[in-house]
Amino acid sequence: MIGYALAFGFGALGLALVLNLWRLFKGPGVADRILALDTMVINVIGIIVLTGIAQGSAASFEAALLLAMVGFVGTVAYAKFLLRGDVIE
Protein backbone atom coordinates (compact mmCIF):
# COMPACT_ATOMS: atom_id res chain seq x y z
CA MET A 1 0.00 0.00 0.00
CA ILE A 2 2.87 2.39 0.75
CA GLY A 3 4.16 1.77 -2.77
CA TYR A 4 0.97 3.16 -4.28
CA ALA A 5 1.10 6.20 -2.03
CA LEU A 6 4.73 6.86 -2.96
CA ALA A 7 3.98 6.47 -6.67
CA PHE A 8 1.05 8.88 -6.39
CA GLY A 9 3.22 11.34 -4.45
CA PHE A 10 6.01 11.22 -7.01
CA GLY A 11 3.50 11.69 -9.83
CA ALA A 12 1.78 14.62 -8.15
CA LEU A 13 5.06 16.37 -7.34
CA GLY A 14 6.35 15.73 -10.87
CA LEU A 15 3.22 17.32 -12.33
CA ALA A 16 3.58 20.23 -9.91
CA LEU A 17 7.18 20.77 -11.05
CA VAL A 18 6.11 20.82 -14.70
CA LEU A 19 3.39 23.37 -13.96
CA ASN A 20 5.89 25.47 -11.98
CA LEU A 21 8.29 25.44 -14.92
CA TRP A 22 5.46 26.67 -17.12
CA ARG A 23 4.77 29.53 -14.68
CA LEU A 24 8.49 30.29 -14.46
CA PHE A 25 8.81 30.77 -18.22
CA LYS A 26 5.41 32.33 -18.90
CA GLY A 27 4.97 34.39 -15.71
CA PRO A 28 3.82 37.92 -16.46
CA GLY A 29 6.02 39.51 -13.81
CA VAL A 30 9.17 39.04 -11.81
CA ALA A 31 7.19 38.38 -8.63
CA ASP A 32 5.41 35.45 -10.31
CA ARG A 33 8.75 33.99 -11.35
CA ILE A 34 10.12 34.31 -7.80
CA LEU A 35 7.02 32.58 -6.46
CA ALA A 36 7.42 29.79 -9.03
CA LEU A 37 11.05 29.26 -7.95
CA ASP A 38 10.04 29.15 -4.29
CA THR A 39 7.30 26.64 -5.04
CA MET A 40 9.75 24.55 -7.05
CA VAL A 41 12.06 24.41 -4.04
CA ILE A 42 9.16 23.19 -1.90
CA ASN A 43 8.31 20.52 -4.48
CA VAL A 44 11.92 19.35 -4.66
CA ILE A 45 11.96 19.11 -0.85
CA GLY A 46 8.87 16.89 -1.12
CA ILE A 47 10.60 14.67 -3.70
CA ILE A 48 13.66 14.35 -1.45
CA VAL A 49 11.46 13.37 1.50
CA LEU A 50 9.57 10.81 -0.59
CA THR A 51 12.88 9.38 -1.79
CA GLY A 52 14.02 9.09 1.81
CA ILE A 53 10.83 7.26 2.74
CA ALA A 54 11.19 4.90 -0.23
CA GLN A 55 14.84 4.10 0.53
CA GLY A 56 14.57 4.21 4.32
CA SER A 57 17.43 6.68 4.50
CA ALA A 58 17.66 9.32 7.22
CA ALA A 59 20.30 11.35 5.37
CA SER A 60 17.79 12.55 2.80
CA PHE A 61 15.71 14.21 5.52
CA GLU A 62 18.75 16.24 6.55
CA ALA A 63 19.29 17.20 2.92
CA ALA A 64 15.66 18.32 2.70
CA LEU A 65 16.10 20.46 5.80
CA LEU A 66 19.23 22.11 4.39
CA LEU A 67 17.49 22.79 1.07
CA ALA A 68 14.55 24.34 2.94
CA MET A 69 16.87 26.75 4.74
CA VAL A 70 18.74 27.70 1.58
CA GLY A 71 15.48 28.11 -0.34
CA PHE A 72 14.08 30.43 2.31
CA VAL A 73 17.19 32.61 2.31
CA GLY A 74 17.16 32.73 -1.49
CA THR A 75 13.52 33.77 -1.63
CA VAL A 76 14.09 36.52 0.92
CA ALA A 77 17.12 37.77 -1.03
CA TYR A 78 15.15 37.81 -4.31
CA ALA A 79 12.27 39.67 -2.68
CA LYS A 80 14.60 42.21 -1.10
CA PHE A 81 16.35 42.75 -4.42
CA LEU A 82 12.98 43.21 -6.13
CA LEU A 83 11.83 45.80 -3.59
CA ARG A 84 15.05 47.79 -3.05
CA GLY A 85 17.33 46.88 -5.95
CA ASP A 86 20.10 45.93 -3.52
CA VAL A 87 20.52 42.87 -1.32
CA ILE A 88 23.27 44.08 1.01
CA GLU A 89 22.81 47.44 2.64
C-alpha atoms as a PDB file:
ATOM      1  CA  MET A   1       0.000   0.000   0.000  1.00  0.00           C
ATOM      2  CA  ILE A   2       2.872   2.387   0.752  1.00  0.00           C
ATOM      3  CA  GLY A   3       4.163   1.771  -2.768  1.00  0.00           C
ATOM      4  CA  TYR A   4       0.973   3.156  -4.276  1.00  0.00           C
ATOM      5  CA  ALA A   5       1.102   6.202  -2.025  1.00  0.00           C
ATOM      6  CA  LEU A   6       4.730   6.858  -2.964  1.00  0.00           C
ATOM      7  CA  ALA A   7       3.976   6.470  -6.672  1.00  0.00           C
ATOM      8  CA  PHE A   8       1.049   8.882  -6.386  1.00  0.00           C
ATOM      9  CA  GLY A   9       3.223  11.343  -4.445  1.00  0.00           C
ATOM     10  CA  PHE A  10       6.014  11.221  -7.012  1.00  0.00           C
ATOM     11  CA  GLY A  11       3.500  11.687  -9.833  1.00  0.00           C
ATOM     12  CA  ALA A  12       1.778  14.620  -8.150  1.00  0.00           C
ATOM     13  CA  LEU A  13       5.063  16.367  -7.343  1.00  0.00           C
ATOM     14  CA  GLY A  14       6.347  15.734 -10.865  1.00  0.00           C
ATOM     15  CA  LEU A  15       3.219  17.316 -12.328  1.00  0.00           C
ATOM     16  CA  ALA A  16       3.576  20.233  -9.915  1.00  0.00           C
ATOM     17  CA  LEU A  17       7.178  20.766 -11.051  1.00  0.00           C
ATOM     18  CA  VAL A  18       6.115  20.819 -14.701  1.00  0.00           C
ATOM     19  CA  LEU A  19       3.395  23.373 -13.958  1.00  0.00           C
ATOM     20  CA  ASN A  20       5.889  25.472 -11.977  1.00  0.00           C
ATOM     21  CA  LEU A  21       8.293  25.439 -14.920  1.00  0.00           C
ATOM     22  CA  TRP A  22       5.461  26.672 -17.118  1.00  0.00           C
ATOM     23  CA  ARG A  23       4.772  29.527 -14.681  1.00  0.00           C
ATOM     24  CA  LEU A  24       8.488  30.286 -14.458  1.00  0.00           C
ATOM     25  CA  PHE A  25       8.810  30.773 -18.218  1.00  0.00           C
ATOM     26  CA  LYS A  26       5.406  32.329 -18.899  1.00  0.00           C
ATOM     27  CA  GLY A  27       4.971  34.389 -15.705  1.00  0.00           C
ATOM     28  CA  PRO A  28       3.820  37.916 -16.458  1.00  0.00           C
ATOM     29  CA  GLY A  29       6.022  39.512 -13.815  1.00  0.00           C
ATOM     30  CA  VAL A  30       9.167  39.042 -11.805  1.00  0.00           C
ATOM     31  CA  ALA A  31       7.185  38.385  -8.628  1.00  0.00           C
ATOM     32  CA  ASP A  32       5.409  35.454 -10.314  1.00  0.00           C
ATOM     33  CA  ARG A  33       8.745  33.985 -11.346  1.00  0.00           C
ATOM     34  CA  ILE A  34      10.119  34.306  -7.798  1.00  0.00           C
ATOM     35  CA  LEU A  35       7.024  32.576  -6.458  1.00  0.00           C
ATOM     36  CA  ALA A  36       7.424  29.794  -9.029  1.00  0.00           C
ATOM     37  CA  LEU A  37      11.050  29.263  -7.952  1.00  0.00           C
ATOM     38  CA  ASP A  38      10.043  29.146  -4.293  1.00  0.00           C
ATOM     39  CA  THR A  39       7.301  26.638  -5.040  1.00  0.00           C
ATOM     40  CA  MET A  40       9.752  24.546  -7.046  1.00  0.00           C
ATOM     41  CA  VAL A  41      12.061  24.409  -4.035  1.00  0.00           C
ATOM     42  CA  ILE A  42       9.162  23.193  -1.899  1.00  0.00           C
ATOM     43  CA  ASN A  43       8.310  20.522  -4.477  1.00  0.00           C
ATOM     44  CA  VAL A  44      11.921  19.347  -4.656  1.00  0.00           C
ATOM     45  CA  ILE A  45      11.956  19.108  -0.851  1.00  0.00           C
ATOM     46  CA  GLY A  46       8.873  16.890  -1.122  1.00  0.00           C
ATOM     47  CA  ILE A  47      10.597  14.674  -3.696  1.00  0.00           C
ATOM     48  CA  ILE A  48      13.656  14.353  -1.455  1.00  0.00           C
ATOM     49  CA  VAL A  49      11.456  13.374   1.500  1.00  0.00           C
ATOM     50  CA  LEU A  50       9.570  10.814  -0.592  1.00  0.00           C
ATOM     51  CA  THR A  51      12.877   9.382  -1.792  1.00  0.00           C
ATOM     52  CA  GLY A  52      14.015   9.093   1.811  1.00  0.00           C
ATOM     53  CA  ILE A  53      10.827   7.256   2.737  1.00  0.00           C
ATOM     54  CA  ALA A  54      11.193   4.900  -0.232  1.00  0.00           C
ATOM     55  CA  GLN A  55      14.838   4.098   0.527  1.00  0.00           C
ATOM     56  CA  GLY A  56      14.572   4.211   4.317  1.00  0.00           C
ATOM     57  CA  SER A  57      17.433   6.682   4.503  1.00  0.00           C
ATOM     58  CA  ALA A  58      17.663   9.325   7.225  1.00  0.00           C
ATOM     59  CA  ALA A  59      20.296  11.349   5.371  1.00  0.00           C
ATOM     60  CA  SER A  60      17.792  12.546   2.795  1.00  0.00           C
ATOM     61  CA  PHE A  61      15.711  14.205   5.520  1.00  0.00           C
ATOM     62  CA  GLU A  62      18.746  16.238   6.555  1.00  0.00           C
ATOM     63  CA  ALA A  63      19.287  17.200   2.918  1.00  0.00           C
ATOM     64  CA  ALA A  64      15.663  18.322   2.698  1.00  0.00           C
ATOM     65  CA  LEU A  65      16.098  20.463   5.800  1.00  0.00           C
ATOM     66  CA  LEU A  66      19.229  22.110   4.386  1.00  0.00           C
ATOM     67  CA  LEU A  67      17.488  22.787   1.075  1.00  0.00           C
ATOM     68  CA  ALA A  68      14.553  24.340   2.936  1.00  0.00           C
ATOM     69  CA  MET A  69      16.867  26.749   4.743  1.00  0.00           C
ATOM     70  CA  VAL A  70      18.744  27.701   1.579  1.00  0.00           C
ATOM     71  CA  GLY A  71      15.484  28.108  -0.342  1.00  0.00           C
ATOM     72  CA  PHE A  72      14.081  30.434   2.313  1.00  0.00           C
ATOM     73  CA  VAL A  73      17.191  32.615   2.309  1.00  0.00           C
ATOM     74  CA  GLY A  74      17.157  32.726  -1.491  1.00  0.00           C
ATOM     75  CA  THR A  75      13.518  33.769  -1.625  1.00  0.00           C
ATOM     76  CA  VAL A  76      14.092  36.524   0.925  1.00  0.00           C
ATOM     77  CA  ALA A  77      17.117  37.766  -1.030  1.00  0.00           C
ATOM     78  CA  TYR A  78      15.154  37.805  -4.312  1.00  0.00           C
ATOM     79  CA  ALA A  79      12.266  39.668  -2.675  1.00  0.00           C
ATOM     80  CA  LYS A  80      14.595  42.211  -1.096  1.00  0.00           C
ATOM     81  CA  PHE A  81      16.348  42.748  -4.420  1.00  0.00           C
ATOM     82  CA  LEU A  82      12.979  43.214  -6.126  1.00  0.00           C
ATOM     83  CA  LEU A  83      11.830  45.799  -3.587  1.00  0.00           C
ATOM     84  CA  ARG A  84      15.052  47.788  -3.052  1.00  0.00           C
ATOM     85  CA  GLY A  85      17.331  46.884  -5.948  1.00  0.00           C
ATOM     86  CA  ASP A  86      20.096  45.929  -3.516  1.00  0.00           C
ATOM     87  CA  VAL A  87      20.523  42.870  -1.320  1.00  0.00           C
ATOM     88  CA  ILE A  88      23.271  44.076   1.006  1.00  0.00           C
ATOM     89  CA  GLU A  89      22.808  47.440   2.645  1.00  0.00           C
END
